[in-house]
Amino acid sequence: MDLIIEFVQQRRVPGGARAASRDAAEARPPPLEEQLGRLTLACTAMWMLLRQRTGVTDQELLEAIQEVDLRDGVLDGQYKPPALTCPACGRRNNRRRRTCMYCEAPLPPEAAR
């Protein structure tokens, strides 16, 4: 996994480590198409390795994708982590929050991502 993260980070800014010495105005994130291309490449390579080393089938992968997609109740091809209900006020919050956006009560630590 570290290899994939390093691969993505080195290509996020043209020139990898050399970009650190450049002016911040020159170090812009790549267009979404480039990011999507890199993520597609990484996912394809991971799937190839998983299939070769474990024998998981394409059908099993598609079923797992559908299962994860349906976790939010909608089969729409998007991953959206489910909202978290605040234990203090009962309102729903984004799982990345550390405190409730309504009452500011602390949310469980596993909710913050």
PDB file of N, CA and C in Angstrom:
ATOM      1  N   MET A   1       0.825  -1.191   0.000  1.00  0.00           N
ATOM      2  CA  MET A   1       0.000   0.000   0.000  1.00  0.00           C
ATOM      3  C   MET A   1       0.869   1.256   0.000  1.00  0.00           C
ATOM      4  N   ASP A   2       1.981   1.231   0.767  1.00  0.00           N
ATOM      5  CA  ASP A   2       2.872   2.387   0.774  1.00  0.00           C
ATOM      6  C   ASP A   2       3.402   2.689  -0.614  1.00  0.00           C
ATOM      7  N   LEU A   3       3.635   1.641  -1.398  1.00  0.00           N
ATOM      8  CA  LEU A   3       4.131   1.826  -2.760  1.00  0.00           C
ATOM      9  C   LEU A   3       3.122   2.598  -3.604  1.00  0.00           C
ATOM     10  N   ILE A   4       1.842   2.268  -3.459  1.00  0.00           N
ATOM     11  CA  ILE A   4       0.799   2.955  -4.220  1.00  0.00           C
ATOM     12  C   ILE A   4       0.699   4.409  -3.791  1.00  0.00           C
ATOM     13  N   ILE A   5       0.726   4.653  -2.486  1.00  0.00           N
ATOM     14  CA  ILE A   5       0.650   6.030  -1.984  1.00  0.00           C
ATOM     15  C   ILE A   5       1.836   6.840  -2.485  1.00  0.00           C
ATOM     16  N   GLU A   6       3.023   6.250  -2.429  1.00  0.00           N
ATOM     17  CA  GLU A   6       4.210   6.958  -2.926  1.00  0.00           C
ATOM     18  C   GLU A   6       4.093   7.228  -4.420  1.00  0.00           C
ATOM     19  N   PHE A   7       3.584   6.243  -5.172  1.00  0.00           N
ATOM     20  CA  PHE A   7       3.388   6.409  -6.617  1.00  0.00           C
ATOM     21  C   PHE A   7       2.487   7.600  -6.899  1.00  0.00           C
ATOM     22  N   VAL A   8       1.357   7.676  -6.197  1.00  0.00           N
ATOM     23  CA  VAL A   8       0.409   8.765  -6.410  1.00  0.00           C
ATOM     24  C   VAL A   8       1.022  10.094  -5.989  1.00  0.00           C
ATOM     25  N   GLN A   9       1.706  10.132  -4.840  1.00  0.00           N
ATOM     26  CA  GLN A   9       2.291  11.376  -4.344  1.00  0.00           C
ATOM     27  C   GLN A   9       3.379  11.896  -5.283  1.00  0.00           C
ATOM     28  N   GLN A  10       4.222  11.036  -5.808  1.00  0.00           N
ATOM     29  CA  GLN A  10       5.299  11.465  -6.692  1.00  0.00           C
ATOM     30  C   GLN A  10       4.765  12.070  -7.980  1.00  0.00           C
ATOM     31  N   ARG A  11       3.584  11.641  -8.393  1.00  0.00           N
ATOM     32  CA  ARG A  11       3.018  12.136  -9.635  1.00  0.00           C
ATOM     33  C   ARG A  11       1.991  13.233  -9.433  1.00  0.00           C
ATOM     34  N   ARG A  12       1.652  13.510  -8.185  1.00  0.00           N
ATOM     35  CA  ARG A  12       0.681  14.568  -7.901  1.00  0.00           C
ATOM     36  C   ARG A  12       1.228  15.919  -8.350  1.00  0.00           C
ATOM     37  N   VAL A  13       2.499  16.162  -8.116  1.00  0.00           N
ATOM     38  CA  VAL A  13       3.139  17.404  -8.521  1.00  0.00           C
ATOM     39  C   VAL A  13       4.238  17.036  -9.511  1.00  0.00           C
ATOM     40  N   PRO A  14       4.234  17.601 -10.707  1.00  0.00           N
ATOM     41  CA  PRO A  14       5.251  17.254 -11.690  1.00  0.00           C
ATOM     42  C   PRO A  14       6.660  17.398 -11.132  1.00  0.00           C
ATOM     43  N   GLY A  15       7.481  16.373 -11.342  1.00  0.00           N
ATOM     44  CA  GLY A  15       8.861  16.433 -10.901  1.00  0.00           C
ATOM     45  C   GLY A  15       9.076  15.861  -9.521  1.00  0.00           C
ATOM     46  N   GLY A  16       8.044  15.377  -8.864  1.00  0.00           N
ATOM     47  CA  GLY A  16       8.187  14.733  -7.557  1.00  0.00           C
ATOM     48  C   GLY A  16       8.883  15.616  -6.552  1.00  0.00           C
ATOM     49  N   ALA A  17      10.017  15.180  -6.036  1.00  0.00           N
ATOM     50  CA  ALA A  17      10.737  15.890  -4.979  1.00  0.00           C
ATOM     51  C   ALA A  17      11.256  17.247  -5.444  1.00  0.00           C
ATOM     52  N   ARG A  18      11.545  17.374  -6.736  1.00  0.00           N
ATOM     53  CA  ARG A  18      12.041  18.660  -7.243  1.00  0.00           C
ATOM     54  C   ARG A  18      11.004  19.761  -7.073  1.00  0.00           C
ATOM     55  N   ALA A  19       9.731  19.392  -7.076  1.00  0.00           N
ATOM     56  CA  ALA A  19       8.671  20.392  -6.979  1.00  0.00           C
ATOM     57  C   ALA A  19       8.667  21.100  -5.630  1.00  0.00           C
ATOM     58  N   ALA A  20       9.246  20.473  -4.613  1.00  0.00           N
ATOM     59  CA  ALA A  20       9.272  21.089  -3.287  1.00  0.00           C
ATOM     60  C   ALA A  20      10.044  22.395  -3.302  1.00  0.00           C
ATOM     61  N   SER A  21      11.011  22.516  -4.185  1.00  0.00           N
ATOM     62  CA  SER A  21      11.805  23.733  -4.242  1.00  0.00           C
ATOM     63  C   SER A  21      11.173  24.810  -5.128  1.00  0.00           C
ATOM     64  N   ARG A  22      10.116  24.456  -5.838  1.00  0.00           N
ATOM     65  CA  ARG A  22       9.462  25.416  -6.722  1.00  0.00           C
ATOM     66  C   ARG A  22       8.547  26.349  -5.945  1.00  0.00           C
ATOM     67  N   ASP A  23       8.249  27.432  -6.570  1.00  0.00           N
ATOM     68  CA  ASP A  23       7.296  28.382  -6.015  1.00  0.00           C
ATOM     69  C   ASP A  23       5.932  27.713  -5.882  1.00  0.00           C
ATOM     70  N   ALA A  24       5.176  28.017  -4.829  1.00  0.00           N
ATOM     71  CA  ALA A  24       3.881  27.389  -4.571  1.00  0.00           C
ATOM     72  C   ALA A  24       2.909  27.601  -5.729  1.00  0.00           C
ATOM     73  N   ALA A  25       3.025  28.681  -6.435  1.00  0.00           N
ATOM     74  CA  ALA A  25       2.124  28.940  -7.557  1.00  0.00           C
ATOM     75  C   ALA A  25       2.325  27.929  -8.680  1.00  0.00           C
ATOM     76  N   GLU A  26       3.544  27.408  -8.814  1.00  0.00           N
ATOM     77  CA  GLU A  26       3.818  26.434  -9.852  1.00  0.00           C
ATOM     78  C   GLU A  26       3.375  25.038  -9.457  1.00  0.00           C
ATOM     79  N   ALA A  27       3.283  24.750  -8.179  1.00  0.00           N
ATOM     80  CA  ALA A  27       2.960  23.408  -7.688  1.00  0.00           C
ATOM     81  C   ALA A  27       1.451  23.260  -7.527  1.00  0.00           C
ATOM     82  N   ARG A  28       0.760  23.122  -8.632  1.00  0.00           N
ATOM     83  CA  ARG A  28      -0.691  22.971  -8.609  1.00  0.00           C
ATOM     84  C   ARG A  28      -1.059  21.502  -8.707  1.00  0.00           C
ATOM     85  N   PRO A  29      -2.171  21.109  -8.085  1.00  0.00           N
ATOM     86  CA  PRO A  29      -2.598  19.723  -8.234  1.00  0.00           C
ATOM     87  C   PRO A  29      -3.002  19.451  -9.682  1.00  0.00           C
ATOM     88  N   PRO A  30      -2.808  18.227 -10.130  1.00  0.00           N
ATOM     89  CA  PRO A  30      -3.150  17.913 -11.522  1.00  0.00           C
ATOM     90  C   PRO A  30      -4.657  17.943 -11.738  1.00  0.00           C
ATOM     91  N   PRO A  31      -5.066  18.075 -12.979  1.00  0.00           N
ATOM     92  CA  PRO A  31      -6.500  18.056 -13.281  1.00  0.00           C
ATOM     93  C   PRO A  31      -7.140  16.749 -12.823  1.00  0.00           C
ATOM     94  N   LEU A  32      -8.439  16.776 -12.615  1.00  0.00           N
ATOM     95  CA  LEU A  32      -9.157  15.593 -12.144  1.00  0.00           C
ATOM     96  C   LEU A  32      -8.979  14.394 -13.072  1.00  0.00           C
ATOM     97  N   GLU A  33      -8.887  14.644 -14.370  1.00  0.00           N
ATOM     98  CA  GLU A  33      -8.710  13.537 -15.303  1.00  0.00           C
ATOM     99  C   GLU A  33      -7.417  12.786 -15.027  1.00  0.00           C
ATOM    100  N   GLU A  34      -6.354  13.522 -14.700  1.00  0.00           N
ATOM    101  CA  GLU A  34      -5.082  12.880 -14.391  1.00  0.00           C
ATOM    102  C   GLU A  34      -5.178  12.090 -13.094  1.00  0.00           C
ATOM    103  N   GLN A  35      -5.821  12.667 -12.080  1.00  0.00           N
ATOM    104  CA  GLN A  35      -5.986  11.958 -10.811  1.00  0.00           C
ATOM    105  C   GLN A  35      -6.811  10.693 -11.023  1.00  0.00           C
ATOM    106  N   LEU A  36      -7.881  10.808 -11.796  1.00  0.00           N
ATOM    107  CA  LEU A  36      -8.728   9.656 -12.084  1.00  0.00           C
ATOM    108  C   LEU A  36      -7.933   8.584 -12.827  1.00  0.00           C
ATOM    109  N   GLY A  37      -7.113   9.002 -13.758  1.00  0.00           N
ATOM    110  CA  GLY A  37      -6.288   8.048 -14.501  1.00  0.00           C
ATOM    111  C   GLY A  37      -5.339   7.287 -13.591  1.00  0.00           C
ATOM    112  N   ARG A  38      -4.707   7.981 -12.649  1.00  0.00           N
ATOM    113  CA  ARG A  38      -3.791   7.328 -11.711  1.00  0.00           C
ATOM    114  C   ARG A  38      -4.534   6.383 -10.770  1.00  0.00           C
ATOM    115  N   LEU A  39      -5.694   6.820 -10.296  1.00  0.00           N
ATOM    116  CA  LEU A  39      -6.487   5.949  -9.416  1.00  0.00           C
ATOM    117  C   LEU A  39      -6.968   4.709 -10.168  1.00  0.00           C
ATOM    118  N   THR A  40      -7.358   4.885 -11.421  1.00  0.00           N
ATOM    119  CA  THR A  40      -7.777   3.747 -12.231  1.00  0.00           C
ATOM    120  C   THR A  40      -6.614   2.781 -12.435  1.00  0.00           C
ATOM    121  N   LEU A  41      -5.454   3.312 -12.706  1.00  0.00           N
ATOM    122  CA  LEU A  41      -4.255   2.488 -12.879  1.00  0.00           C
ATOM    123  C   LEU A  41      -3.959   1.699 -11.604  1.00  0.00           C
ATOM    124  N   ALA A  42      -3.986   2.377 -10.457  1.00  0.00           N
ATOM    125  CA  ALA A  42      -3.696   1.716  -9.184  1.00  0.00           C
ATOM    126  C   ALA A  42      -4.729   0.636  -8.874  1.00  0.00           C
ATOM    127  N   CYS A  43      -6.013   0.940  -9.088  1.00  0.00           N
ATOM    128  CA  CYS A  43      -7.073  -0.041  -8.825  1.00  0.00           C
ATOM    129  C   CYS A  43      -6.942  -1.249  -9.756  1.00  0.00           C
ATOM    130  N   THR A  44      -6.619  -1.000 -11.013  1.00  0.00           N
ATOM    131  CA  THR A  44      -6.462  -2.087 -11.971  1.00  0.00           C
ATOM    132  C   THR A  44      -5.304  -2.994 -11.571  1.00  0.00           C
ATOM    133  N   ALA A  45      -4.194  -2.399 -11.162  1.00  0.00           N
ATOM    134  CA  ALA A  45      -3.034  -3.195 -10.733  1.00  0.00           C
ATOM    135  C   ALA A  45      -3.355  -3.992  -9.464  1.00  0.00           C
ATOM    136  N   MET A  46      -4.054  -3.354  -8.511  1.00  0.00           N
ATOM    137  CA  MET A  46      -4.424  -4.076  -7.288  1.00  0.00           C
ATOM    138  C   MET A  46      -5.359  -5.231  -7.600  1.00  0.00           C
ATOM    139  N   TRP A  47      -6.344  -5.012  -8.480  1.00  0.00           N
ATOM    140  CA  TRP A  47      -7.266  -6.078  -8.837  1.00  0.00           C
ATOM    141  C   TRP A  47      -6.529  -7.215  -9.537  1.00  0.00           C
ATOM    142  N   MET A  48      -5.583  -6.892 -10.413  1.00  0.00           N
ATOM    143  CA  MET A  48      -4.807  -7.913 -11.102  1.00  0.00           C
ATOM    144  C   MET A  48      -4.055  -8.781 -10.092  1.00  0.00           C
ATOM    145  N   LEU A  49      -3.401  -8.148  -9.129  1.00  0.00           N
ATOM    146  CA  LEU A  49      -2.659  -8.897  -8.108  1.00  0.00           C
ATOM    147  C   LEU A  49      -3.590  -9.737  -7.238  1.00  0.00           C
ATOM    148  N   LEU A  50      -4.707  -9.163  -6.828  1.00  0.00           N
ATOM    149  CA  LEU A  50      -5.661  -9.885  -5.990  1.00  0.00           C
ATOM    150  C   LEU A  50      -6.192 -11.115  -6.729  1.00  0.00           C
ATOM    151  N   ARG A  51      -6.546 -10.942  -7.974  1.00  0.00           N
ATOM    152  CA  ARG A  51      -7.081 -12.049  -8.771  1.00  0.00           C
ATOM    153  C   ARG A  51      -6.030 -13.137  -8.948  1.00  0.00           C
ATOM    154  N   GLN A  52      -4.789 -12.747  -9.262  1.00  0.00           N
ATOM    155  CA  GLN A  52      -3.728 -13.726  -9.490  1.00  0.00           C
ATOM    156  C   GLN A  52      -3.341 -14.468  -8.223  1.00  0.00           C
ATOM    157  N   ARG A  53      -3.268 -13.775  -7.112  1.00  0.00           N
ATOM    158  CA  ARG A  53      -2.743 -14.380  -5.881  1.00  0.00           C
ATOM    159  C   ARG A  53      -3.786 -15.055  -5.004  1.00  0.00           C
ATOM    160  N   THR A  54      -5.059 -14.694  -5.167  1.00  0.00           N
ATOM    161  CA  THR A  54      -6.078 -15.280  -4.301  1.00  0.00           C
ATOM    162  C   THR A  54      -7.125 -16.064  -5.052  1.00  0.00           C
ATOM    163  N   GLY A  55      -7.237 -15.869  -6.344  1.00  0.00           N
ATOM    164  CA  GLY A  55      -8.238 -16.582  -7.122  1.00  0.00           C
ATOM    165  C   GLY A  55      -9.630 -15.977  -7.053  1.00  0.00           C
ATOM    166  N   VAL A  56      -9.749 -14.768  -6.503  1.00  0.00           N
ATOM    167  CA  VAL A  56     -11.049 -14.096  -6.476  1.00  0.00           C
ATOM    168  C   VAL A  56     -11.476 -13.848  -7.915  1.00  0.00           C
ATOM    169  N   THR A  57     -12.755 -14.080  -8.197  1.00  0.00           N
ATOM    170  CA  THR A  57     -13.254 -13.937  -9.572  1.00  0.00           C
ATOM    171  C   THR A  57     -13.783 -12.526  -9.825  1.00  0.00           C
ATOM    172  N   ASP A  58     -13.929 -12.207 -11.096  1.00  0.00           N
ATOM    173  CA  ASP A  58     -14.509 -10.918 -11.481  1.00  0.00           C
ATOM    174  C   ASP A  58     -15.919 -10.782 -10.911  1.00  0.00           C
ATOM    175  N   GLN A  59     -16.684 -11.874 -10.961  1.00  0.00           N
ATOM    176  CA  GLN A  59     -18.049 -11.839 -10.442  1.00  0.00           C
ATOM    177  C   GLN A  59     -18.055 -11.538  -8.937  1.00  0.00           C
ATOM    178  N   GLU A  60     -17.135 -12.123  -8.185  1.00  0.00           N
ATOM    179  CA  GLU A  60     -17.051 -11.854  -6.741  1.00  0.00           C
ATOM    180  C   GLU A  60     -16.711 -10.389  -6.483  1.00  0.00           C
ATOM    181  N   LEU A  61     -15.821  -9.818  -7.292  1.00  0.00           N
ATOM    182  CA  LEU A  61     -15.489  -8.404  -7.150  1.00  0.00           C
ATOM    183  C   LEU A  61     -16.712  -7.536  -7.427  1.00  0.00           C
ATOM    184  N   LEU A  62     -17.426  -7.836  -8.507  1.00  0.00           N
ATOM    185  CA  LEU A  62     -18.620  -7.053  -8.839  1.00  0.00           C
ATOM    186  C   LEU A  62     -19.677  -7.144  -7.734  1.00  0.00           C
ATOM    187  N   GLU A  63     -19.839  -8.324  -7.152  1.00  0.00           N
ATOM    188  CA  GLU A  63     -20.789  -8.481  -6.051  1.00  0.00           C
ATOM    189  C   GLU A  63     -20.356  -7.665  -4.827  1.00  0.00           C
ATOM    190  N   ALA A  64     -19.052  -7.651  -4.536  1.00  0.00           N
ATOM    191  CA  ALA A  64     -18.553  -6.869  -3.409  1.00  0.00           C
ATOM    192  C   ALA A  64     -18.736  -5.372  -3.663  1.00  0.00           C
ATOM    193  N   ILE A  65     -18.506  -4.936  -4.887  1.00  0.00           N
ATOM    194  CA  ILE A  65     -18.703  -3.526  -5.242  1.00  0.00           C
ATOM    195  C   ILE A  65     -20.164  -3.147  -5.034  1.00  0.00           C
ATOM    196  N   GLN A  66     -21.072  -4.007  -5.488  1.00  0.00           N
ATOM    197  CA  GLN A  66     -22.498  -3.723  -5.322  1.00  0.00           C
ATOM    198  C   GLN A  66     -22.882  -3.683  -3.838  1.00  0.00           C
ATOM    199  N   GLU A  67     -22.326  -4.597  -3.057  1.00  0.00           N
ATOM    200  CA  GLU A  67     -22.620  -4.614  -1.610  1.00  0.00           C
ATOM    201  C   GLU A  67     -22.180  -3.311  -0.942  1.00  0.00           C
ATOM    202  N   VAL A  68     -20.978  -2.845  -1.258  1.00  0.00           N
ATOM    203  CA  VAL A  68     -20.486  -1.593  -0.680  1.00  0.00           C
ATOM    204  C   VAL A  68     -21.312  -0.418  -1.186  1.00  0.00           C
ATOM    205  N   ASP A  69     -21.657  -0.426  -2.463  1.00  0.00           N
ATOM    206  CA  ASP A  69     -22.458   0.648  -3.041  1.00  0.00           C
ATOM    207  C   ASP A  69     -23.822   0.758  -2.355  1.00  0.00           C
ATOM    208  N   LEU A  70     -24.413  -0.369  -2.006  1.00  0.00           N
ATOM    209  CA  LEU A  70     -25.737  -0.368  -1.384  1.00  0.00           C
ATOM    210  C   LEU A  70     -25.733  -0.014   0.104  1.00  0.00           C
ATOM    211  N   ARG A  71     -24.568   0.162   0.703  1.00  0.00           N
ATOM    212  CA  ARG A  71     -24.516   0.492   2.131  1.00  0.00           C
ATOM    213  C   ARG A  71     -25.226   1.795   2.468  1.00  0.00           C
ATOM    214  N   ASP A  72     -25.286   2.715   1.513  1.00  0.00           N
ATOM    215  CA  ASP A  72     -26.001   3.972   1.765  1.00  0.00           C
ATOM    216  C   ASP A  72     -27.453   3.889   1.307  1.00  0.00           C
ATOM    217  N   GLY A  73     -27.867   2.699   0.865  1.00  0.00           N
ATOM    218  CA  GLY A  73     -29.251   2.494   0.470  1.00  0.00           C
ATOM    219  C   GLY A  73     -29.557   2.812  -0.977  1.00  0.00           C
ATOM    220  N   VAL A  74     -28.558   3.259  -1.742  1.00  0.00           N
ATOM    221  CA  VAL A  74     -28.788   3.642  -3.140  1.00  0.00           C
ATOM    222  C   VAL A  74     -27.718   2.993  -4.017  1.00  0.00           C
ATOM    223  N   LEU A  75     -28.156   2.258  -5.035  1.00  0.00           N
ATOM    224  CA  LEU A  75     -27.233   1.658  -5.992  1.00  0.00           C
ATOM    225  C   LEU A  75     -26.957   2.696  -7.078  1.00  0.00           C
ATOM    226  N   ASP A  76     -25.918   3.526  -6.838  1.00  0.00           N
ATOM    227  CA  ASP A  76     -25.649   4.648  -7.742  1.00  0.00           C
ATOM    228  C   ASP A  76     -24.193   4.724  -8.205  1.00  0.00           C
ATOM    229  N   GLY A  77     -23.387   3.725  -7.876  1.00  0.00           N
ATOM    230  CA  GLY A  77     -21.990   3.737  -8.308  1.00  0.00           C
ATOM    231  C   GLY A  77     -21.121   4.707  -7.543  1.00  0.00           C
ATOM    232  N   GLN A  78     -21.586   5.157  -6.380  1.00  0.00           N
ATOM    233  CA  GLN A  78     -20.830   6.121  -5.560  1.00  0.00           C
ATOM    234  C   GLN A  78     -20.637   5.555  -4.165  1.00  0.00           C
ATOM    235  N   TYR A  79     -19.503   5.876  -3.537  1.00  0.00           N
ATOM    236  CA  TYR A  79     -19.296   5.490  -2.145  1.00  0.00           C
ATOM    237  C   TYR A  79     -19.508   6.717  -1.275  1.00  0.00           C
ATOM    238  N   LYS A  80     -20.469   6.620  -0.405  1.00  0.00           N
ATOM    239  CA  LYS A  80     -20.741   7.691   0.553  1.00  0.00           C
ATOM    240  C   LYS A  80     -20.840   7.051   1.926  1.00  0.00           C
ATOM    241  N   PRO A  81     -19.888   7.323   2.809  1.00  0.00           N
ATOM    242  CA  PRO A  81     -19.989   6.737   4.142  1.00  0.00           C
ATOM    243  C   PRO A  81     -21.301   7.156   4.797  1.00  0.00           C
ATOM    244  N   PRO A  82     -21.943   6.233   5.519  1.00  0.00           N
ATOM    245  CA  PRO A  82     -23.212   6.587   6.148  1.00  0.00           C
ATOM    246  C   PRO A  82     -23.034   7.674   7.190  1.00  0.00           C
ATOM    247  N   ALA A  83     -24.064   8.478   7.342  1.00  0.00           N
ATOM    248  CA  ALA A  83     -24.029   9.545   8.347  1.00  0.00           C
ATOM    249  C   ALA A  83     -24.020   8.916   9.736  1.00  0.00           C
ATOM    250  N   LEU A  84     -23.506   9.651  10.688  1.00  0.00           N
ATOM    251  CA  LEU A  84     -23.423   9.198  12.066  1.00  0.00           C
ATOM    252  C   LEU A  84     -24.444   9.967  12.889  1.00  0.00           C
ATOM    253  N   THR A  85     -25.198   9.260  13.725  1.00  0.00           N
ATOM    254  CA  THR A  85     -26.171   9.910  14.584  1.00  0.00           C
ATOM    255  C   THR A  85     -25.485  10.348  15.872  1.00  0.00           C
ATOM    256  N   CYS A  86     -25.647  11.621  16.226  1.00  0.00           N
ATOM    257  CA  CYS A  86     -25.048  12.169  17.444  1.00  0.00           C
ATOM    258  C   CYS A  86     -25.701  11.511  18.669  1.00  0.00           C
ATOM    259  N   PRO A  87     -24.908  11.010  19.605  1.00  0.00           N
ATOM    260  CA  PRO A  87     -25.472  10.385  20.788  1.00  0.00           C
ATOM    261  C   PRO A  87     -26.156  11.393  21.719  1.00  0.00           C
ATOM    262  N   ALA A  88     -25.834  12.677  21.582  1.00  0.00           N
ATOM    263  CA  ALA A  88     -26.405  13.692  22.471  1.00  0.00           C
ATOM    264  C   ALA A  88     -27.730  14.255  21.935  1.00  0.00           C
ATOM    265  N   CYS A  89     -27.750  14.667  20.662  1.00  0.00           N
ATOM    266  CA  CYS A  89     -28.953  15.333  20.134  1.00  0.00           C
ATOM    267  C   CYS A  89     -29.722  14.493  19.119  1.00  0.00           C
ATOM    268  N   GLY A  90     -29.115  13.399  18.638  1.00  0.00           N
ATOM    269  CA  GLY A  90     -29.808  12.520  17.705  1.00  0.00           C
ATOM    270  C   GLY A  90     -29.778  12.954  16.258  1.00  0.00           C
ATOM    271  N   ARG A  91     -29.094  14.037  15.939  1.00  0.00           N
ATOM    272  CA  ARG A  91     -29.013  14.493  14.552  1.00  0.00           C
ATOM    273  C   ARG A  91     -27.886  13.777  13.822  1.00  0.00           C
ATOM    274  N   ARG A  92     -28.022  13.745  12.492  1.00  0.00           N
ATOM    275  CA  ARG A  92     -27.038  13.038  11.673  1.00  0.00           C
ATOM    276  C   ARG A  92     -25.876  13.958  11.303  1.00  0.00           C
ATOM    277  N   ASN A  93     -24.672  13.393  11.346  1.00  0.00           N
ATOM    278  CA  ASN A  93     -23.441  14.122  11.057  1.00  0.00           C
ATOM    279  C   ASN A  93     -22.582  13.332  10.084  1.00  0.00           C
ATOM    280  N   ASN A  94     -21.723  14.048   9.375  1.00  0.00           N
ATOM    281  CA  ASN A  94     -20.731  13.431   8.518  1.00  0.00           C
ATOM    282  C   ASN A  94     -19.771  12.643   9.397  1.00  0.00           C
ATOM    283  N   ARG A  95     -19.372  11.455   8.944  1.00  0.00           N
ATOM    284  CA  ARG A  95     -18.486  10.596   9.740  1.00  0.00           C
ATOM    285  C   ARG A  95     -17.098  11.205   9.944  1.00  0.00           C
ATOM    286  N   ARG A  96     -16.713  12.184   9.168  1.00  0.00           N
ATOM    287  CA  ARG A  96     -15.391  12.789   9.324  1.00  0.00           C
ATOM    288  C   ARG A  96     -15.332  13.802  10.452  1.00  0.00           C
ATOM    289  N   ARG A  97     -16.472  14.171  10.970  1.00  0.00           N
ATOM    290  CA  ARG A  97     -16.508  15.164  12.047  1.00  0.00           C
ATOM    291  C   ARG A  97     -16.097  14.544  13.372  1.00  0.00           C
ATOM    292  N   ARG A  98     -15.482  15.354  14.217  1.00  0.00           N
ATOM    293  CA  ARG A  98     -15.110  14.918  15.558  1.00  0.00           C
ATOM    294  C   ARG A  98     -16.146  15.366  16.586  1.00  0.00           C
ATOM    295  N   THR A  99     -16.876  16.428  16.246  1.00  0.00           N
ATOM    296  CA  THR A  99     -17.939  16.908  17.128  1.00  0.00           C
ATOM    297  C   THR A  99     -19.201  17.124  16.303  1.00  0.00           C
ATOM    298  N   CYS A 100     -20.345  17.065  16.970  1.00  0.00           N
ATOM    299  CA  CYS A 100     -21.628  17.270  16.294  1.00  0.00           C
ATOM    300  C   CYS A 100     -21.698  18.703  15.782  1.00  0.00           C
ATOM    301  N   MET A 101     -22.125  18.868  14.542  1.00  0.00           N
ATOM    302  CA  MET A 101     -22.199  20.218  13.976  1.00  0.00           C
ATOM    303  C   MET A 101     -23.397  20.995  14.513  1.00  0.00           C
ATOM    304  N   TYR A 102     -24.290  20.347  15.246  1.00  0.00           N
ATOM    305  CA  TYR A 102     -25.456  21.020  15.809  1.00  0.00           C
ATOM    306  C   TYR A 102     -25.265  21.374  17.280  1.00  0.00           C
ATOM    307  N   CYS A 103     -24.824  20.375  18.075  1.00  0.00           N
ATOM    308  CA  CYS A 103     -24.719  20.621  19.530  1.00  0.00           C
ATOM    309  C   CYS A 103     -23.273  20.606  20.015  1.00  0.00           C
ATOM    310  N   GLU A 104     -22.327  20.308  19.140  1.00  0.00           N
ATOM    311  CA  GLU A 104     -20.898  20.269  19.434  1.00  0.00           C
ATOM    312  C   GLU A 104     -20.501  19.192  20.432  1.00  0.00           C
ATOM    313  N   ALA A 105     -21.378  18.231  20.677  1.00  0.00           N
ATOM    314  CA  ALA A 105     -21.024  17.098  21.537  1.00  0.00           C
ATOM    315  C   ALA A 105     -19.974  16.254  20.819  1.00  0.00           C
ATOM    316  N   PRO A 106     -19.048  15.651  21.562  1.00  0.00           N
ATOM    317  CA  PRO A 106     -18.047  14.801  20.918  1.00  0.00           C
ATOM    318  C   PRO A 106     -18.707  13.578  20.280  1.00  0.00           C
ATOM    319  N   LEU A 107     -18.233  13.239  19.097  1.00  0.00           N
ATOM    320  CA  LEU A 107     -18.686  12.039  18.405  1.00  0.00           C
ATOM    321  C   LEU A 107     -17.697  10.929  18.682  1.00  0.00           C
ATOM    322  N   PRO A 108     -18.103   9.674  18.582  1.00  0.00           N
ATOM    323  CA  PRO A 108     -17.174   8.571  18.839  1.00  0.00           C
ATOM    324  C   PRO A 108     -15.926   8.682  17.966  1.00  0.00           C
ATOM    325  N   PRO A 109     -14.751   8.373  18.515  1.00  0.00           N
ATOM    326  CA  PRO A 109     -13.494   8.523  17.749  1.00  0.00           C
ATOM    327  C   PRO A 109     -13.482   7.738  16.449  1.00  0.00           C
ATOM    328  N   GLU A 110     -14.107   6.581  16.405  1.00  0.00           N
ATOM    329  CA  GLU A 110     -14.081   5.791  15.167  1.00  0.00           C
ATOM    330  C   GLU A 110     -14.888   6.471  14.072  1.00  0.00           C
ATOM    331  N   ALA A 111     -15.670   7.470  14.409  1.00  0.00           N
ATOM    332  CA  ALA A 111     -16.459   8.185  13.412  1.00  0.00           C
ATOM    333  C   ALA A 111     -15.577   9.117  12.578  1.00  0.00           C
ATOM    334  N   ALA A 112     -14.553   9.683  13.169  1.00  0.00           N
ATOM    335  CA  ALA A 112     -13.661  10.618  12.446  1.00  0.00           C
ATOM    336  C   ALA A 112     -12.736   9.834  11.535  1.00  0.00           C
ATOM    337  N   ARG A 113     -12.739  10.202  10.262  1.00  0.00           N
ATOM    338  CA  ARG A 113     -11.876   9.502   9.287  1.00  0.00           C
ATOM    339  C   ARG A 113     -11.133  10.490   8.455  1.00  0.00           C
TER     340      ARG A 113
END
